[in-house]
Amino acid sequence: MTTNDRSEQLLNEILETQRAHLEEYKRVTSESLRLQRQAVEAQIRYIRLLRPMLIVGGAVIAGLIVYVLWLSRFIR
């Protein structure tokens, strides 16, 4: 085997390794993006669930404060 043939073989091995790394990188990147999308969708679902609960909770607390202030009129 000549030096030129050996060099060509090494370059082909390097090219194949680079292609394999690129494919693995694409796979890992797409998996990461999929997981991030799932996380964002979960956050959106929780926000949609919590927003009405916060509004109702705020209204209940405001009502309790008004009730306590109304009761405090009778204590004086």
N, C-alpha and C. Protein backbone atom coordinates (compact mmCIF):
# COMPACT_ATOMS: atom_id res chain seq x y z
N MET A 1 0.86 -1.16 0.00
CA MET A 1 0.00 0.00 0.00
C MET A 1 0.91 1.23 0.00
N THR A 2 0.62 2.13 -0.90
CA THR A 2 1.45 3.32 -1.01
C THR A 2 0.98 4.35 0.01
N THR A 3 1.81 5.35 0.18
CA THR A 3 1.48 6.43 1.11
C THR A 3 0.23 7.17 0.67
N ASN A 4 0.09 7.34 -0.61
CA ASN A 4 -1.08 8.02 -1.16
C ASN A 4 -2.36 7.22 -0.88
N ASP A 5 -2.30 5.92 -1.05
CA ASP A 5 -3.47 5.07 -0.77
C ASP A 5 -3.83 5.11 0.71
N ARG A 6 -2.81 5.07 1.55
CA ARG A 6 -3.05 5.12 3.01
C ARG A 6 -3.66 6.46 3.40
N SER A 7 -3.17 7.53 2.82
CA SER A 7 -3.72 8.86 3.11
C SER A 7 -5.18 8.94 2.67
N GLU A 8 -5.46 8.40 1.50
CA GLU A 8 -6.84 8.42 1.01
C GLU A 8 -7.75 7.58 1.91
N GLN A 9 -7.27 6.47 2.39
CA GLN A 9 -8.04 5.62 3.30
C GLN A 9 -8.31 6.35 4.61
N LEU A 10 -7.30 7.02 5.15
CA LEU A 10 -7.48 7.78 6.39
C LEU A 10 -8.47 8.92 6.20
N LEU A 11 -8.37 9.61 5.08
CA LEU A 11 -9.31 10.69 4.82
C LEU A 11 -10.74 10.17 4.68
N ASN A 12 -10.90 9.01 4.06
CA ASN A 12 -12.24 8.41 3.96
C ASN A 12 -12.77 8.00 5.33
N GLU A 13 -11.91 7.48 6.19
CA GLU A 13 -12.33 7.13 7.55
C GLU A 13 -12.73 8.37 8.33
N ILE A 14 -11.95 9.44 8.17
CA ILE A 14 -12.28 10.71 8.85
C ILE A 14 -13.63 11.22 8.35
N LEU A 15 -13.85 11.15 7.04
CA LEU A 15 -15.11 11.61 6.47
C LEU A 15 -16.29 10.80 7.00
N GLU A 16 -16.15 9.49 7.06
CA GLU A 16 -17.22 8.65 7.59
C GLU A 16 -17.49 8.96 9.06
N THR A 17 -16.43 9.17 9.82
CA THR A 17 -16.58 9.52 11.24
C THR A 17 -17.30 10.85 11.39
N GLN A 18 -16.94 11.82 10.57
CA GLN A 18 -17.60 13.12 10.62
C GLN A 18 -19.08 12.99 10.26
N ARG A 19 -19.38 12.19 9.27
CA ARG A 19 -20.79 11.98 8.89
C ARG A 19 -21.57 11.31 10.02
N ALA A 20 -20.94 10.35 10.67
CA ALA A 20 -21.60 9.68 11.80
C ALA A 20 -21.84 10.67 12.94
N HIS A 21 -20.86 11.53 13.21
CA HIS A 21 -21.03 12.54 14.26
C HIS A 21 -22.14 13.52 13.90
N LEU A 22 -22.20 13.90 12.63
CA LEU A 22 -23.24 14.83 12.19
C LEU A 22 -24.63 14.21 12.37
N GLU A 23 -24.79 12.96 12.00
CA GLU A 23 -26.07 12.29 12.17
C GLU A 23 -26.46 12.18 13.64
N GLU A 24 -25.50 11.86 14.48
CA GLU A 24 -25.77 11.78 15.94
C GLU A 24 -26.14 13.15 16.48
N TYR A 25 -25.44 14.19 16.02
CA TYR A 25 -25.74 15.55 16.45
C TYR A 25 -27.17 15.93 16.04
N LYS A 26 -27.55 15.60 14.82
CA LYS A 26 -28.91 15.90 14.37
C LYS A 26 -29.94 15.16 15.22
N ARG A 27 -29.66 13.91 15.55
CA ARG A 27 -30.60 13.13 16.35
C ARG A 27 -30.75 13.71 17.75
N VAL A 28 -29.62 14.03 18.37
CA VAL A 28 -29.66 14.57 19.73
C VAL A 28 -30.32 15.94 19.75
N THR A 29 -30.03 16.76 18.74
CA THR A 29 -30.63 18.09 18.67
C THR A 29 -32.14 18.00 18.49
N SER A 30 -32.59 17.13 17.62
CA SER A 30 -34.04 17.01 17.42
C SER A 30 -34.72 16.46 18.66
N GLU A 31 -34.09 15.54 19.35
CA GLU A 31 -34.65 15.03 20.61
C GLU A 31 -34.72 16.13 21.67
N SER A 32 -33.67 16.93 21.74
CA SER A 32 -33.65 18.04 22.70
C SER A 32 -34.76 19.04 22.39
N LEU A 33 -34.93 19.38 21.13
CA LEU A 33 -36.00 20.30 20.74
C LEU A 33 -37.38 19.72 21.05
N ARG A 34 -37.55 18.43 20.84
CA ARG A 34 -38.83 17.79 21.15
C ARG A 34 -39.14 17.88 22.64
N LEU A 35 -38.12 17.62 23.46
CA LEU A 35 -38.31 17.70 24.91
C LEU A 35 -38.60 19.13 25.36
N GLN A 36 -37.94 20.10 24.75
CA GLN A 36 -38.19 21.50 25.10
C GLN A 36 -39.61 21.90 24.71
N ARG A 37 -40.06 21.44 23.56
CA ARG A 37 -41.44 21.75 23.14
C ARG A 37 -42.45 21.14 24.11
N GLN A 38 -42.18 19.92 24.55
CA GLN A 38 -43.08 19.28 25.52
C GLN A 38 -43.11 20.08 26.82
N ALA A 39 -41.95 20.56 27.26
CA ALA A 39 -41.89 21.33 28.50
C ALA A 39 -42.67 22.64 28.36
N VAL A 40 -42.52 23.30 27.23
CA VAL A 40 -43.24 24.56 27.01
C VAL A 40 -44.74 24.31 26.96
N GLU A 41 -45.15 23.25 26.29
CA GLU A 41 -46.58 22.92 26.22
C GLU A 41 -47.13 22.61 27.61
N ALA A 42 -46.36 21.93 28.44
CA ALA A 42 -46.80 21.64 29.80
C ALA A 42 -46.94 22.93 30.60
N GLN A 43 -46.00 23.84 30.45
CA GLN A 43 -46.08 25.12 31.15
C GLN A 43 -47.32 25.90 30.72
N ILE A 44 -47.61 25.88 29.43
CA ILE A 44 -48.80 26.58 28.93
C ILE A 44 -50.06 25.97 29.53
N ARG A 45 -50.12 24.64 29.62
CA ARG A 45 -51.30 23.99 30.22
C ARG A 45 -51.45 24.40 31.68
N TYR A 46 -50.35 24.42 32.43
CA TYR A 46 -50.42 24.79 33.84
C TYR A 46 -50.82 26.25 34.02
N ILE A 47 -50.33 27.11 33.16
CA ILE A 47 -50.71 28.53 33.24
C ILE A 47 -52.20 28.68 32.97
N ARG A 48 -52.69 27.96 31.96
CA ARG A 48 -54.13 28.03 31.66
C ARG A 48 -54.97 27.50 32.81
N LEU A 49 -54.43 26.55 33.55
CA LEU A 49 -55.15 26.00 34.70
C LEU A 49 -55.07 26.95 35.90
N LEU A 50 -53.88 27.52 36.12
CA LEU A 50 -53.69 28.33 37.32
C LEU A 50 -54.29 29.72 37.23
N ARG A 51 -54.36 30.30 36.04
CA ARG A 51 -54.86 31.67 35.91
C ARG A 51 -56.27 31.82 36.47
N PRO A 52 -57.22 30.97 36.10
CA PRO A 52 -58.56 31.12 36.70
C PRO A 52 -58.56 30.86 38.21
N MET A 53 -57.72 29.93 38.65
CA MET A 53 -57.65 29.66 40.09
C MET A 53 -57.13 30.88 40.83
N LEU A 54 -56.15 31.58 40.27
CA LEU A 54 -55.63 32.79 40.92
C LEU A 54 -56.69 33.89 40.95
N ILE A 55 -57.45 34.00 39.88
CA ILE A 55 -58.50 35.02 39.86
C ILE A 55 -59.55 34.72 40.92
N VAL A 56 -59.99 33.48 41.00
CA VAL A 56 -60.98 33.09 42.01
C VAL A 56 -60.40 33.27 43.41
N GLY A 57 -59.15 32.84 43.60
CA GLY A 57 -58.52 33.00 44.91
C GLY A 57 -58.39 34.46 45.31
N GLY A 58 -58.03 35.31 44.36
CA GLY A 58 -57.94 36.75 44.64
C GLY A 58 -59.29 37.33 45.00
N ALA A 59 -60.33 36.88 44.30
CA ALA A 59 -61.68 37.37 44.61
C ALA A 59 -62.12 36.92 46.00
N VAL A 60 -61.81 35.69 46.37
CA VAL A 60 -62.16 35.18 47.70
C VAL A 60 -61.42 35.97 48.78
N ILE A 61 -60.13 36.21 48.57
CA ILE A 61 -59.35 36.96 49.57
C ILE A 61 -59.86 38.40 49.67
N ALA A 62 -60.16 39.02 48.53
CA ALA A 62 -60.72 40.37 48.56
C ALA A 62 -62.05 40.37 49.30
N GLY A 63 -62.88 39.37 49.07
CA GLY A 63 -64.15 39.28 49.79
C GLY A 63 -63.95 39.11 51.28
N LEU A 64 -62.97 38.31 51.66
CA LEU A 64 -62.69 38.13 53.09
C LEU A 64 -62.19 39.42 53.73
N ILE A 65 -61.37 40.16 53.02
CA ILE A 65 -60.88 41.44 53.56
C ILE A 65 -62.04 42.40 53.74
N VAL A 66 -62.92 42.47 52.75
CA VAL A 66 -64.10 43.34 52.88
C VAL A 66 -64.96 42.89 54.05
N TYR A 67 -65.13 41.60 54.23
CA TYR A 67 -65.93 41.07 55.33
C TYR A 67 -65.30 41.41 56.68
N VAL A 68 -63.98 41.26 56.79
CA VAL A 68 -63.29 41.60 58.04
C VAL A 68 -63.42 43.09 58.33
N LEU A 69 -63.27 43.92 57.31
CA LEU A 69 -63.43 45.37 57.53
C LEU A 69 -64.86 45.70 57.95
N TRP A 70 -65.82 45.02 57.35
CA TRP A 70 -67.22 45.26 57.72
C TRP A 70 -67.47 44.83 59.17
N LEU A 71 -66.89 43.68 59.59
CA LEU A 71 -67.04 43.22 60.97
C LEU A 71 -66.32 44.14 61.95
N SER A 72 -65.22 44.74 61.52
CA SER A 72 -64.47 45.61 62.43
C SER A 72 -65.25 46.88 62.77
N ARG A 73 -66.25 47.23 61.97
CA ARG A 73 -67.09 48.39 62.29
C ARG A 73 -67.86 48.15 63.59
N PHE A 74 -68.22 46.90 63.87
CA PHE A 74 -69.03 46.58 65.01
C PHE A 74 -68.21 46.45 66.29
N ILE A 75 -66.90 46.30 66.18
CA ILE A 75 -66.05 46.11 67.35
C ILE A 75 -65.81 47.44 68.05
N ARG A 76 -65.75 48.51 67.35
CA ARG A 76 -65.44 49.81 67.95
C ARG A 76 -66.50 50.24 68.82
